[in-house]
């Protein structure tokens, strides 16, 4: 699940587009599943549009996670 999107009420519009980013955890993470998830973003005539749509859908989430109310950047929290 995309926990931030699923649990935060302000992201109702983004929930309609799930999965925004496929979460390939543990047994679901293999070379084949990673390749399958990346293929629409990297190959084909519509790859540019697919990447742009994903970035557009993620913009409100990125803004929320980097807003002034957030004490630490998500990457810094993950590093700890």
C-alpha atoms as a PDB file:
ATOM      1  CA  UNK A   1       0.000   0.000   0.000  1.00  0.00           C
ATOM      2  CA  UNK A   2       0.968   3.612  -0.457  1.00  0.00           C
ATOM      3  CA  UNK A   3       0.451   4.462   3.197  1.00  0.00           C
ATOM      4  CA  UNK A   4       0.781   8.238   2.984  1.00  0.00           C
ATOM      5  CA  UNK A   5      -1.750   8.405   0.171  1.00  0.00           C
ATOM      6  CA  UNK A   6      -4.118   5.882   1.699  1.00  0.00           C
ATOM      7  CA  UNK A   7      -4.133   7.258   5.234  1.00  0.00           C
ATOM      8  CA  UNK A   8      -3.954  11.016   4.736  1.00  0.00           C
ATOM      9  CA  UNK A   9      -7.459  12.428   4.026  1.00  0.00           C
ATOM     10  CA  UNK A  10      -6.138  15.309   1.908  1.00  0.00           C
ATOM     11  CA  UNK A  11      -5.005  12.866  -0.807  1.00  0.00           C
ATOM     12  CA  UNK A  12      -8.467  11.639  -1.799  1.00  0.00           C
ATOM     13  CA  UNK A  13      -7.916  12.593  -5.448  1.00  0.00           C
ATOM     14  CA  UNK A  14      -4.592  10.744  -5.567  1.00  0.00           C
ATOM     15  CA  UNK A  15      -6.170   7.562  -4.134  1.00  0.00           C
ATOM     16  CA  UNK A  16      -8.144   7.211  -7.338  1.00  0.00           C
ATOM     17  CA  UNK A  17      -4.833   6.811  -9.208  1.00  0.00           C
ATOM     18  CA  UNK A  18      -3.305   4.112  -6.996  1.00  0.00           C
ATOM     19  CA  UNK A  19      -0.820   2.654  -7.260  1.00  0.00           C
ATOM     20  CA  UNK A  20       1.124   5.866  -7.828  1.00  0.00           C
ATOM     21  CA  UNK A  21       4.339   3.949  -7.396  1.00  0.00           C
ATOM     22  CA  UNK A  22       4.263   0.172  -7.303  1.00  0.00           C
ATOM     23  CA  UNK A  23       5.623  -1.006  -3.977  1.00  0.00           C
ATOM     24  CA  UNK A  24       7.710  -4.051  -4.705  1.00  0.00           C
ATOM     25  CA  UNK A  25       8.577  -5.274  -1.249  1.00  0.00           C
ATOM     26  CA  UNK A  26      10.196  -8.501  -0.181  1.00  0.00           C
ATOM     27  CA  UNK A  27       8.936 -11.442  -2.244  1.00  0.00           C
ATOM     28  CA  UNK A  28       7.320  -9.079  -4.758  1.00  0.00           C
ATOM     29  CA  UNK A  29      10.685  -7.547  -5.620  1.00  0.00           C
ATOM     30  CA  UNK A  30      12.391  -9.471  -8.375  1.00  0.00           C
ATOM     31  CA  UNK A  31      14.145  -8.435 -11.567  1.00  0.00           C
ATOM     32  CA  UNK A  32      10.971  -9.291 -13.517  1.00  0.00           C
ATOM     33  CA  UNK A  33       8.563  -7.310 -11.317  1.00  0.00           C
ATOM     34  CA  UNK A  34      10.904  -4.297 -11.275  1.00  0.00           C
ATOM     35  CA  UNK A  35      11.252  -4.455 -15.065  1.00  0.00           C
ATOM     36  CA  UNK A  36       7.476  -4.783 -15.478  1.00  0.00           C
ATOM     37  CA  UNK A  37       6.891  -1.752 -13.238  1.00  0.00           C
ATOM     38  CA  UNK A  38       9.476   0.388 -15.033  1.00  0.00           C
ATOM     39  CA  UNK A  39       8.647  -0.593 -18.603  1.00  0.00           C
ATOM     40  CA  UNK A  40       5.682   1.801 -19.041  1.00  0.00           C
ATOM     41  CA  UNK A  41       7.809   4.659 -17.678  1.00  0.00           C
ATOM     42  CA  UNK A  42      10.869   3.980 -19.808  1.00  0.00           C
ATOM     43  CA  UNK A  43       9.816   2.344 -23.055  1.00  0.00           C
ATOM     44  CA  UNK A  44       7.276   2.965 -25.742  1.00  0.00           C
ATOM     45  CA  UNK A  45       5.602   5.908 -27.354  1.00  0.00           C
ATOM     46  CA  UNK A  46       3.718   6.927 -24.195  1.00  0.00           C
ATOM     47  CA  UNK A  47       6.597   6.655 -21.698  1.00  0.00           C
ATOM     48  CA  UNK A  48       7.026  10.421 -21.460  1.00  0.00           C
ATOM     49  CA  UNK A  49       3.317  10.889 -20.729  1.00  0.00           C
ATOM     50  CA  UNK A  50       3.368   8.074 -18.160  1.00  0.00           C
ATOM     51  CA  UNK A  51       6.293   9.686 -16.319  1.00  0.00           C
ATOM     52  CA  UNK A  52       4.656  13.122 -16.444  1.00  0.00           C
ATOM     53  CA  UNK A  53       1.378  11.714 -15.088  1.00  0.00           C
ATOM     54  CA  UNK A  54       3.175   9.948 -12.246  1.00  0.00           C
ATOM     55  CA  UNK A  55       5.105  13.104 -11.306  1.00  0.00           C
ATOM     56  CA  UNK A  56       1.912  15.167 -11.423  1.00  0.00           C
ATOM     57  CA  UNK A  57       0.121  12.714  -9.155  1.00  0.00           C
ATOM     58  CA  UNK A  58       3.033  12.716  -6.707  1.00  0.00           C
ATOM     59  CA  UNK A  59       3.409  16.514  -6.540  1.00  0.00           C
ATOM     60  CA  UNK A  60       0.892  17.079  -3.699  1.00  0.00           C
ATOM     61  CA  UNK A  61       2.449  14.263  -1.678  1.00  0.00           C
ATOM     62  CA  UNK A  62       5.945  15.632  -2.141  1.00  0.00           C
ATOM     63  CA  UNK A  63       4.742  19.085  -1.120  1.00  0.00           C
ATOM     64  CA  UNK A  64       3.130  17.642   2.005  1.00  0.00           C
ATOM     65  CA  UNK A  65       6.231  15.676   2.995  1.00  0.00           C
ATOM     66  CA  UNK A  66       8.536  18.659   2.532  1.00  0.00           C
ATOM     67  CA  UNK A  67       6.230  21.318   4.028  1.00  0.00           C
ATOM     68  CA  UNK A  68       7.403  23.539   6.879  1.00  0.00           C
ATOM     69  CA  UNK A  69       5.403  21.504   9.425  1.00  0.00           C
ATOM     70  CA  UNK A  70       7.624  18.485   8.722  1.00  0.00           C
ATOM     71  CA  UNK A  71      10.628  18.637  11.045  1.00  0.00           C
ATOM     72  CA  UNK A  72      12.883  16.336   9.053  1.00  0.00           C
ATOM     73  CA  UNK A  73      13.014  15.401   5.414  1.00  0.00           C
ATOM     74  CA  UNK A  74      11.709  11.866   4.753  1.00  0.00           C
ATOM     75  CA  UNK A  75      15.115  10.812   3.408  1.00  0.00           C
ATOM     76  CA  UNK A  76      16.797  11.968   6.639  1.00  0.00           C
ATOM     77  CA  UNK A  77      14.292  10.053   8.757  1.00  0.00           C
ATOM     78  CA  UNK A  78      14.834   6.927   6.636  1.00  0.00           C
ATOM     79  CA  UNK A  79      18.605   7.261   7.009  1.00  0.00           C
ATOM     80  CA  UNK A  80      18.293   7.223  10.783  1.00  0.00           C
END
